[in-house]
Amino acid sequence: MKLSSHYNKASIIVSVLVLFAAAIIYYFAIHKIARNQLDSELSEEIGERIDYVNRYGKIPKKDFDESLTEYSKIPTADFPTRFFDTVYYNTREKTNENGRAIAALIKLNGENYKVIITESYASIDDLTQVITLITLVLTIILLFVLFITNKYVLKGLWRPFYHTLHELKTFNISVPGNIKTQTNKVDEFNELNAAVQLMSARVKKDYEHLKHFTENASHEMMTPLAVITAKLDTLIQDESLKPEHYDQINDIYSATGKLSRLNQSMLLLVKIENNLINDGESINLHSAIAQKLRQFQELLLARNITVAEDLQDKNIFASRSLIDVLLNNLFSNAIRHNIQNGKITITLTNDKLIFQNSGAAKPLDESLLFERFQKGQKSDGTGLGLTIVKNICALYNWQVSYTHTGLLHNFEIAF
């Protein structure tokens, strides 16, 4: 859920709760005020009846106004005036209604009379209903205004944030230029934009330094390796060397070649991870695999490994050099970890590419298989082949996976 949605939800809930609490308080406050006003009116009516008795010396024969009045003799003069709620029968409406009453003492010709005056609560109930309806309408209007405000007004307020978020999502460290932000009136967004620009500039600077260091280190490393290889080639051609010297030189030659391959693999990984290879083109994967199979024919024959093919036409858009590296590593892995007189099965469909090779009965550790420098004890590789395969697949949003069935090791790439 977006931040704006959380804010809308919180503001609406708080508004509803506040309005609900205010409506309850408002209801009881209005009810109390109206009841006090009704008590005041009842007190005035008692006063009118006392004035009438004092002036005319008799009990009124009919009610004043619309109120209901009852008179009864009482033996004592000790009767305090009191207000109370009651239910009375409305002769006009012919129904029982809630009312507010006052009981007081009236003296006439030395006798004591208790008078009870009752007035209907209908006016208060009508007022309460009107207030409740007005409150409900105002609540609905307020919630509608809040919804419209949050959806349209606050949406514009958040526009600079979403612009910055889009810039971060599309940020490419290898593309010149920093993140573009929009100036706005919100201080927090301006601070965020300033921090993002500073971060992007620093990241690009560190990236450029790392890029130059990697390229320079690789170049500087290749020069002495080339010199060493050339010197070893010269020594090998020297006929005065003893056989044990040839063995030592071959070991040095092999280690130098491995170091050279390791250097090239590390440089390639840096380029792939930083998306520095952008020479994409349409490639027929069927033809690329067939060509690569011819290149590895001698190695296959040397170990008497048979190859079964089931290749369909499949065109992909990728870097030809990366696809060449990908197939090289898949073929090398299938041959290096195979057994004598083993078998390799290559399957290509529109959705996936599968390499199956015979090998050890024990499955490989899938959690470490595609990590850097993870290799078998008897492997003479760099330990980066499958890591490069994984990174190339990640670059083109392909999924690479490993499974083991019986004596077959399966590497599958899902396009």
Protein backbone atom coordinates (compact mmCIF):
# COMPACT_ATOMS: atom_id res chain seq x y z
CA MET A 1 0.00 0.00 0.00
CA LYS A 2 1.33 3.42 -0.94
CA LEU A 3 2.17 6.08 1.65
CA SER A 4 -0.62 8.29 0.33
CA SER A 5 -3.09 5.43 0.82
CA HIS A 6 -1.89 4.93 4.38
CA TYR A 7 -2.31 8.67 4.98
CA ASN A 8 -5.81 8.67 3.44
CA LYS A 9 -6.81 5.68 5.55
CA ALA A 10 -5.47 7.23 8.77
CA SER A 11 -6.99 10.68 8.10
CA ILE A 12 -10.42 9.23 7.26
CA ILE A 13 -10.45 6.94 10.31
CA VAL A 14 -9.37 9.76 12.63
CA SER A 15 -11.91 12.14 11.08
CA VAL A 16 -14.73 9.61 11.47
CA LEU A 17 -13.79 8.89 15.09
CA VAL A 18 -13.51 12.58 15.95
CA LEU A 19 -16.81 13.38 14.24
CA PHE A 20 -18.51 10.43 15.94
CA ALA A 21 -17.23 11.51 19.37
CA ALA A 22 -18.16 15.12 18.66
CA ALA A 23 -21.65 14.06 17.53
CA ILE A 24 -22.20 12.14 20.79
CA ILE A 25 -20.99 15.08 22.88
CA TYR A 26 -23.00 17.49 20.76
CA TYR A 27 -26.13 15.32 21.15
CA PHE A 28 -25.94 15.22 24.93
CA ALA A 29 -25.04 18.91 25.13
CA ILE A 30 -28.02 19.92 22.98
CA HIS A 31 -30.26 17.54 24.91
CA LYS A 32 -29.16 19.06 28.21
CA ILE A 33 -29.60 22.61 26.94
CA ALA A 34 -33.04 21.82 25.54
CA ARG A 35 -34.08 20.12 28.80
CA ASN A 36 -32.89 23.11 30.82
CA GLN A 37 -34.89 25.34 28.50
CA LEU A 38 -37.93 23.10 29.02
CA ASP A 39 -37.44 23.23 32.81
CA SER A 40 -37.34 27.01 32.57
CA GLU A 41 -40.60 27.02 30.64
CA LEU A 42 -42.21 24.71 33.21
CA SER A 43 -41.09 27.03 36.02
CA GLU A 44 -42.72 29.94 34.22
CA GLU A 45 -45.95 27.96 33.86
CA ILE A 46 -45.97 27.16 37.59
CA GLY A 47 -45.54 30.87 38.25
CA GLU A 48 -48.45 31.69 35.94
CA ARG A 49 -50.71 29.25 37.79
CA ILE A 50 -49.73 30.58 41.20
CA ASP A 51 -50.45 34.13 39.99
CA TYR A 52 -53.83 32.97 38.66
CA VAL A 53 -54.76 31.33 41.99
CA ASN A 54 -53.62 34.37 43.96
CA ARG A 55 -55.52 36.75 41.67
CA TYR A 56 -58.78 34.85 41.21
CA GLY A 57 -58.83 32.62 44.30
CA LYS A 58 -59.60 29.45 42.38
CA ILE A 59 -57.99 26.62 40.49
CA PRO A 60 -57.81 27.13 36.67
CA LYS A 61 -60.40 25.07 34.83
CA LYS A 62 -58.23 24.43 31.71
CA ASP A 63 -54.56 24.06 30.83
CA PHE A 64 -52.49 27.00 29.83
CA ASP A 65 -50.88 26.64 26.39
CA GLU A 66 -50.49 22.98 25.30
CA SER A 67 -49.30 21.54 28.59
CA LEU A 68 -51.05 18.89 30.68
CA THR A 69 -51.86 20.00 34.24
CA GLU A 70 -53.04 17.91 37.16
CA TYR A 71 -54.19 19.18 40.62
CA SER A 72 -54.57 17.14 43.79
CA LYS A 73 -54.99 17.98 47.47
CA ILE A 74 -52.20 16.98 49.84
CA PRO A 75 -52.28 17.05 53.64
CA THR A 76 -48.89 18.69 54.14
CA ALA A 77 -47.30 21.95 53.11
CA ASP A 78 -43.84 20.44 53.08
CA PHE A 79 -43.58 19.67 49.36
CA PRO A 80 -40.49 20.90 47.49
CA THR A 81 -40.64 21.77 43.80
CA ARG A 82 -39.00 19.10 41.60
CA PHE A 83 -38.50 18.26 37.92
CA PHE A 84 -38.71 14.73 36.54
CA ASP A 85 -39.14 12.74 33.32
CA THR A 86 -42.39 10.91 32.80
CA VAL A 87 -44.65 9.20 30.28
CA TYR A 88 -48.10 10.63 29.65
CA TYR A 89 -51.05 9.96 27.37
CA ASN A 90 -51.46 12.51 24.60
CA THR A 91 -55.20 12.82 24.08
CA ARG A 92 -54.76 14.61 20.76
CA GLU A 93 -52.39 12.04 19.24
CA LYS A 94 -53.92 9.22 21.32
CA THR A 95 -50.48 7.76 22.08
CA ASN A 96 -48.17 7.58 25.04
CA GLU A 97 -45.35 10.11 24.81
CA ASN A 98 -42.26 11.00 26.76
CA GLY A 99 -42.50 14.23 28.65
CA ARG A 100 -40.86 16.52 31.15
CA ALA A 101 -42.84 17.40 34.29
CA ILE A 102 -42.67 19.72 37.27
CA ALA A 103 -44.38 19.10 40.62
CA ALA A 104 -44.99 22.09 42.93
CA LEU A 105 -47.16 23.26 45.84
CA ILE A 106 -50.04 25.76 45.49
CA LYS A 107 -51.97 27.08 48.52
CA LEU A 108 -55.64 28.06 48.16
CA ASN A 109 -57.95 29.10 51.06
CA GLY A 110 -55.69 27.41 53.62
CA GLU A 111 -55.57 24.16 51.68
CA ASN A 112 -52.54 22.61 49.99
CA TYR A 113 -52.64 21.51 46.37
CA LYS A 114 -50.00 19.57 44.43
CA VAL A 115 -49.83 20.66 40.82
CA ILE A 116 -48.05 18.61 38.15
CA ILE A 117 -47.42 20.24 34.76
CA THR A 118 -46.22 17.99 31.93
CA GLU A 119 -44.87 19.09 28.55
CA SER A 120 -43.99 16.87 25.62
CA TYR A 121 -40.41 16.02 24.65
CA ALA A 122 -41.53 16.09 21.01
CA SER A 123 -39.89 19.43 20.32
CA ILE A 124 -36.58 18.24 21.80
CA ASP A 125 -36.79 14.98 19.85
CA ASP A 126 -37.47 16.87 16.63
CA LEU A 127 -34.53 19.16 17.34
CA THR A 128 -32.31 16.19 18.10
CA GLN A 129 -33.31 14.48 14.85
CA VAL A 130 -32.59 17.63 12.85
CA ILE A 131 -29.20 18.01 14.54
CA THR A 132 -28.39 14.33 13.94
CA LEU A 133 -29.33 14.64 10.28
CA ILE A 134 -27.27 17.80 9.85
CA THR A 135 -24.30 16.16 11.58
CA LEU A 136 -24.59 13.07 9.37
CA VAL A 137 -24.78 15.17 6.21
CA LEU A 138 -21.80 17.28 7.30
CA THR A 139 -19.83 14.10 8.09
CA ILE A 140 -20.53 12.68 4.63
CA ILE A 141 -19.61 15.99 2.98
CA LEU A 142 -16.41 16.23 5.04
CA LEU A 143 -15.37 12.67 4.17
CA PHE A 144 -16.06 13.32 0.50
CA VAL A 145 -14.01 16.53 0.62
CA LEU A 146 -11.18 14.67 2.39
CA PHE A 147 -11.28 11.92 -0.23
CA ILE A 148 -11.19 14.38 -3.13
CA THR A 149 -8.46 16.43 -1.45
CA ASN A 150 -6.28 13.40 -0.74
CA LYS A 151 -6.81 11.94 -4.20
CA TYR A 152 -6.24 15.02 -6.33
CA VAL A 153 -4.67 17.80 -4.27
CA LEU A 154 -2.23 15.64 -2.30
CA LYS A 155 -1.47 13.63 -5.44
CA GLY A 156 0.04 16.76 -6.94
CA LEU A 157 1.91 17.35 -3.70
CA TRP A 158 3.55 13.92 -3.97
CA ARG A 159 4.43 14.33 -7.67
CA PRO A 160 8.06 15.48 -7.02
CA PHE A 161 8.61 12.42 -4.81
CA TYR A 162 7.40 10.02 -7.50
CA HIS A 163 9.55 11.84 -10.06
CA THR A 164 12.61 11.29 -7.87
CA LEU A 165 11.60 7.66 -7.32
CA HIS A 166 11.32 7.15 -11.10
CA GLU A 167 14.76 8.68 -11.58
CA LEU A 168 16.20 6.28 -9.00
CA LYS A 169 14.56 3.28 -10.69
CA THR A 170 15.94 4.25 -14.10
CA PHE A 171 19.35 5.31 -12.76
CA ASN A 172 22.15 3.72 -14.74
CA ILE A 173 25.60 4.08 -13.30
CA SER A 174 27.23 3.74 -16.72
CA VAL A 175 25.20 6.55 -18.35
CA PRO A 176 26.75 10.06 -18.12
CA GLY A 177 24.92 12.67 -16.08
CA ASN A 178 23.38 12.76 -12.62
CA ILE A 179 19.81 12.21 -11.47
CA LYS A 180 17.46 15.04 -12.48
CA THR A 181 15.17 16.30 -9.72
CA GLN A 182 12.36 18.84 -9.58
CA THR A 183 12.40 21.89 -7.33
CA ASN A 184 9.28 22.09 -5.16
CA LYS A 185 7.86 23.88 -2.12
CA VAL A 186 8.23 20.94 0.27
CA ASP A 187 11.43 21.20 2.30
CA GLU A 188 11.63 17.46 2.99
CA PHE A 189 11.45 16.64 -0.73
CA ASN A 190 14.13 19.22 -1.50
CA GLU A 191 16.37 17.65 1.15
CA LEU A 192 15.68 14.21 -0.33
CA ASN A 193 16.55 15.44 -3.83
CA ALA A 194 19.77 17.00 -2.60
CA ALA A 195 20.76 13.76 -0.84
CA VAL A 196 19.90 11.70 -3.94
CA GLN A 197 21.95 13.95 -6.23
CA LEU A 198 24.90 13.84 -3.84
CA MET A 199 24.63 10.05 -3.59
CA SER A 200 24.41 9.56 -7.38
CA ALA A 201 27.40 11.82 -7.98
CA ARG A 202 29.44 9.97 -5.36
CA VAL A 203 28.44 6.55 -6.74
CA LYS A 204 29.35 7.57 -10.28
CA LYS A 205 32.69 8.92 -9.11
CA ASP A 206 33.48 5.71 -7.22
CA TYR A 207 32.34 3.68 -10.22
CA GLU A 208 34.62 5.60 -12.59
CA HIS A 209 37.55 5.09 -10.23
CA LEU A 210 36.81 1.38 -9.96
CA LYS A 211 36.35 1.07 -13.70
CA HIS A 212 39.66 2.75 -14.47
CA PHE A 213 41.41 0.74 -11.77
CA THR A 214 40.04 -2.54 -13.12
CA GLU A 215 40.90 -1.73 -16.71
CA ASN A 216 44.38 -0.47 -15.83
CA ALA A 217 45.07 -3.40 -13.49
CA SER A 218 43.93 -5.87 -16.16
CA HIS A 219 46.04 -4.19 -18.82
CA GLU A 220 49.09 -3.96 -16.59
CA MET A 221 48.68 -7.61 -15.58
CA MET A 222 48.40 -8.82 -19.16
CA THR A 223 51.70 -7.25 -20.15
CA PRO A 224 53.94 -9.25 -17.75
CA LEU A 225 51.87 -12.36 -18.41
CA ALA A 226 52.51 -11.98 -22.13
CA VAL A 227 56.23 -11.51 -21.44
CA ILE A 228 56.31 -14.60 -19.23
CA THR A 229 54.49 -16.66 -21.86
CA ALA A 230 56.87 -15.49 -24.59
CA LYS A 231 59.92 -16.31 -22.47
CA LEU A 232 58.49 -19.74 -21.67
CA ASP A 233 57.89 -20.39 -25.36
CA THR A 234 61.57 -19.56 -25.99
CA LEU A 235 62.77 -21.81 -23.16
CA ILE A 236 60.68 -24.74 -24.34
CA GLN A 237 62.41 -24.56 -27.73
CA ASP A 238 65.85 -24.79 -26.06
CA GLU A 239 67.14 -28.31 -26.75
CA SER A 240 69.79 -28.09 -24.03
CA LEU A 241 67.19 -28.28 -21.26
CA LYS A 242 66.90 -31.42 -19.21
CA PRO A 243 63.57 -33.34 -19.10
CA GLU A 244 62.90 -32.28 -15.50
CA HIS A 245 63.29 -28.66 -16.60
CA TYR A 246 60.64 -29.19 -19.27
CA ASP A 247 58.24 -30.40 -16.62
CA GLN A 248 58.84 -27.34 -14.46
CA ILE A 249 58.44 -24.99 -17.41
CA ASN A 250 55.17 -26.70 -18.38
CA ASP A 251 53.88 -26.19 -14.84
CA ILE A 252 54.81 -22.51 -15.01
CA TYR A 253 53.25 -22.25 -18.46
CA SER A 254 50.03 -23.84 -17.21
CA ALA A 255 49.86 -21.56 -14.15
CA THR A 256 50.48 -18.50 -16.33
CA GLY A 257 47.69 -19.51 -18.70
CA LYS A 258 45.33 -20.02 -15.77
CA LEU A 259 46.23 -16.61 -14.35
CA SER A 260 45.59 -15.03 -17.74
CA ARG A 261 42.18 -16.71 -18.01
CA LEU A 262 41.36 -15.65 -14.45
CA ASN A 263 42.24 -12.05 -15.26
CA GLN A 264 40.06 -12.07 -18.38
CA SER A 265 37.17 -13.70 -16.50
CA MET A 266 37.29 -11.15 -13.67
CA LEU A 267 37.32 -8.28 -16.16
CA LEU A 268 34.40 -9.81 -18.04
CA LEU A 269 32.41 -10.15 -14.79
CA VAL A 270 32.97 -6.48 -14.00
CA LYS A 271 31.72 -5.49 -17.45
CA ILE A 272 28.65 -7.73 -17.20
CA GLU A 273 27.71 -6.61 -13.68
CA ASN A 274 27.99 -2.95 -14.65
CA ASN A 275 26.17 -3.43 -17.97
CA LEU A 276 29.10 -2.20 -20.04
CA ILE A 277 28.43 -4.54 -22.97
CA ASN A 278 25.73 -3.03 -25.18
CA ASP A 279 26.42 -4.60 -28.59
CA GLY A 280 23.13 -6.48 -28.80
CA GLU A 281 22.04 -8.10 -32.07
CA SER A 282 19.74 -10.86 -33.29
CA ILE A 283 21.39 -14.25 -32.95
CA ASN A 284 20.21 -17.66 -34.13
CA LEU A 285 21.00 -19.82 -31.12
CA HIS A 286 20.66 -23.06 -33.12
CA SER A 287 23.47 -22.02 -35.45
CA ALA A 288 25.63 -20.75 -32.56
CA ILE A 289 25.35 -24.08 -30.73
CA ALA A 290 26.10 -26.08 -33.89
CA GLN A 291 29.18 -23.96 -34.55
CA LYS A 292 30.36 -24.27 -30.96
CA LEU A 293 29.88 -28.05 -31.14
CA ARG A 294 32.27 -28.24 -34.07
CA GLN A 295 34.87 -26.24 -32.12
CA PHE A 296 34.75 -28.68 -29.19
CA GLN A 297 34.79 -31.76 -31.41
CA GLU A 298 38.41 -32.65 -30.67
CA LEU A 299 37.93 -32.49 -26.89
CA LEU A 300 34.81 -34.64 -27.22
CA LEU A 301 36.66 -37.24 -29.29
CA ALA A 302 39.61 -37.25 -26.88
CA ARG A 303 37.30 -38.42 -24.04
CA ASN A 304 35.00 -40.44 -26.32
CA ILE A 305 31.97 -38.37 -25.28
CA THR A 306 28.89 -38.71 -27.46
CA VAL A 307 26.59 -35.75 -28.04
CA ALA A 308 22.83 -35.98 -28.66
CA GLU A 309 21.11 -32.89 -30.08
CA ASP A 310 17.50 -31.78 -30.20
CA LEU A 311 17.74 -28.21 -31.47
CA GLN A 312 14.90 -26.00 -32.68
CA ASP A 313 15.25 -22.60 -34.28
CA LYS A 314 15.47 -19.88 -31.63
CA ASN A 315 16.40 -16.25 -32.20
CA ILE A 316 17.53 -14.10 -29.28
CA PHE A 317 18.69 -10.50 -28.97
CA ALA A 318 21.98 -10.39 -27.10
CA SER A 319 25.69 -9.65 -27.39
CA ARG A 320 27.35 -12.15 -29.67
CA SER A 321 30.51 -12.11 -27.56
CA LEU A 322 28.55 -12.87 -24.38
CA ILE A 323 26.62 -15.70 -26.03
CA ASP A 324 29.96 -17.10 -27.21
CA VAL A 325 31.27 -16.97 -23.62
CA LEU A 326 28.03 -18.51 -22.33
CA LEU A 327 28.19 -21.48 -24.70
CA ASN A 328 31.92 -21.90 -24.11
CA ASN A 329 31.36 -22.21 -20.38
CA LEU A 330 28.41 -24.59 -20.76
CA PHE A 331 30.33 -26.86 -23.15
CA SER A 332 33.52 -26.71 -21.04
CA ASN A 333 31.59 -27.49 -17.87
CA ALA A 334 29.78 -30.44 -19.51
CA ILE A 335 33.06 -31.88 -20.86
CA ARG A 336 35.32 -31.18 -17.87
CA HIS A 337 32.96 -32.76 -15.34
CA ASN A 338 31.97 -35.67 -17.56
CA ILE A 339 33.24 -39.23 -17.40
CA GLN A 340 35.20 -41.23 -19.95
CA ASN A 341 32.84 -42.57 -22.63
CA GLY A 342 30.19 -40.24 -21.23
CA LYS A 343 27.28 -38.49 -22.86
CA ILE A 344 26.04 -34.93 -23.38
CA THR A 345 22.47 -34.07 -24.41
CA ILE A 346 21.66 -30.57 -25.70
CA THR A 347 18.01 -29.54 -26.00
CA LEU A 348 16.88 -26.20 -27.43
CA THR A 349 13.22 -25.15 -27.58
CA ASN A 350 11.51 -21.80 -27.89
CA ASP A 351 11.41 -21.49 -24.10
CA LYS A 352 14.58 -23.05 -22.77
CA LEU A 353 18.10 -24.39 -23.38
CA ILE A 354 19.14 -27.55 -21.50
CA PHE A 355 22.63 -29.08 -21.16
CA GLN A 356 22.70 -32.60 -19.67
CA ASN A 357 25.94 -34.41 -19.00
CA SER A 358 26.80 -37.70 -17.34
CA GLY A 359 29.01 -37.45 -14.29
CA ALA A 360 29.35 -38.20 -10.61
CA ALA A 361 26.40 -39.83 -8.86
CA LYS A 362 26.53 -37.21 -6.09
CA PRO A 363 24.64 -33.99 -6.90
CA LEU A 364 26.39 -30.63 -6.70
CA ASP A 365 25.64 -28.11 -3.97
CA GLU A 366 23.11 -25.86 -5.71
CA SER A 367 23.46 -23.10 -3.09
CA LEU A 368 27.17 -22.66 -3.93
CA LEU A 369 27.21 -23.82 -7.55
CA PHE A 370 26.92 -20.37 -9.13
CA GLU A 371 29.06 -18.53 -6.58
CA ARG A 372 32.53 -17.25 -7.42
CA PHE A 373 35.53 -19.56 -7.09
CA GLN A 374 33.38 -22.61 -6.28
CA LYS A 375 34.76 -25.66 -8.08
CA GLY A 376 35.45 -29.33 -7.62
CA GLN A 377 38.60 -30.62 -6.00
CA LYS A 378 39.86 -32.12 -9.28
CA SER A 379 38.88 -29.13 -11.42
CA ASP A 380 41.63 -27.09 -13.05
CA GLY A 381 39.29 -24.22 -14.00
CA THR A 382 39.10 -20.73 -12.52
CA GLY A 383 35.86 -21.33 -10.61
CA LEU A 384 34.18 -18.47 -12.45
CA GLY A 385 32.58 -20.24 -15.42
CA LEU A 386 29.13 -20.83 -13.93
CA THR A 387 29.24 -17.43 -12.20
CA ILE A 388 29.68 -15.82 -15.61
CA VAL A 389 26.82 -17.97 -16.96
CA LYS A 390 24.55 -16.78 -14.13
CA ASN A 391 25.48 -13.11 -14.63
CA ILE A 392 24.92 -13.26 -18.39
CA CYS A 393 21.49 -14.81 -17.80
CA ALA A 394 20.67 -12.15 -15.19
CA LEU A 395 21.70 -9.44 -17.66
CA TYR A 396 19.03 -10.64 -20.13
CA ASN A 397 16.45 -11.62 -17.48
CA TRP A 398 16.86 -15.35 -18.11
CA GLN A 399 16.60 -17.94 -15.34
CA VAL A 400 19.38 -20.51 -14.93
CA SER A 401 18.92 -23.56 -12.70
CA TYR A 402 20.58 -26.87 -11.86
CA THR A 403 19.02 -30.28 -11.18
CA HIS A 404 20.40 -33.78 -10.76
CA THR A 405 18.64 -36.94 -11.90
CA GLY A 406 20.38 -40.27 -11.62
CA LEU A 407 23.83 -39.84 -13.15
CA LEU A 408 22.80 -36.78 -15.20
CA HIS A 409 23.63 -33.20 -14.26
CA ASN A 410 21.13 -30.77 -15.84
CA PHE A 411 21.72 -27.07 -16.45
CA GLU A 412 18.62 -25.28 -17.74
CA ILE A 413 18.26 -21.72 -19.03
CA ALA A 414 14.67 -20.48 -19.28
CA PHE A 415 14.24 -17.56 -21.68
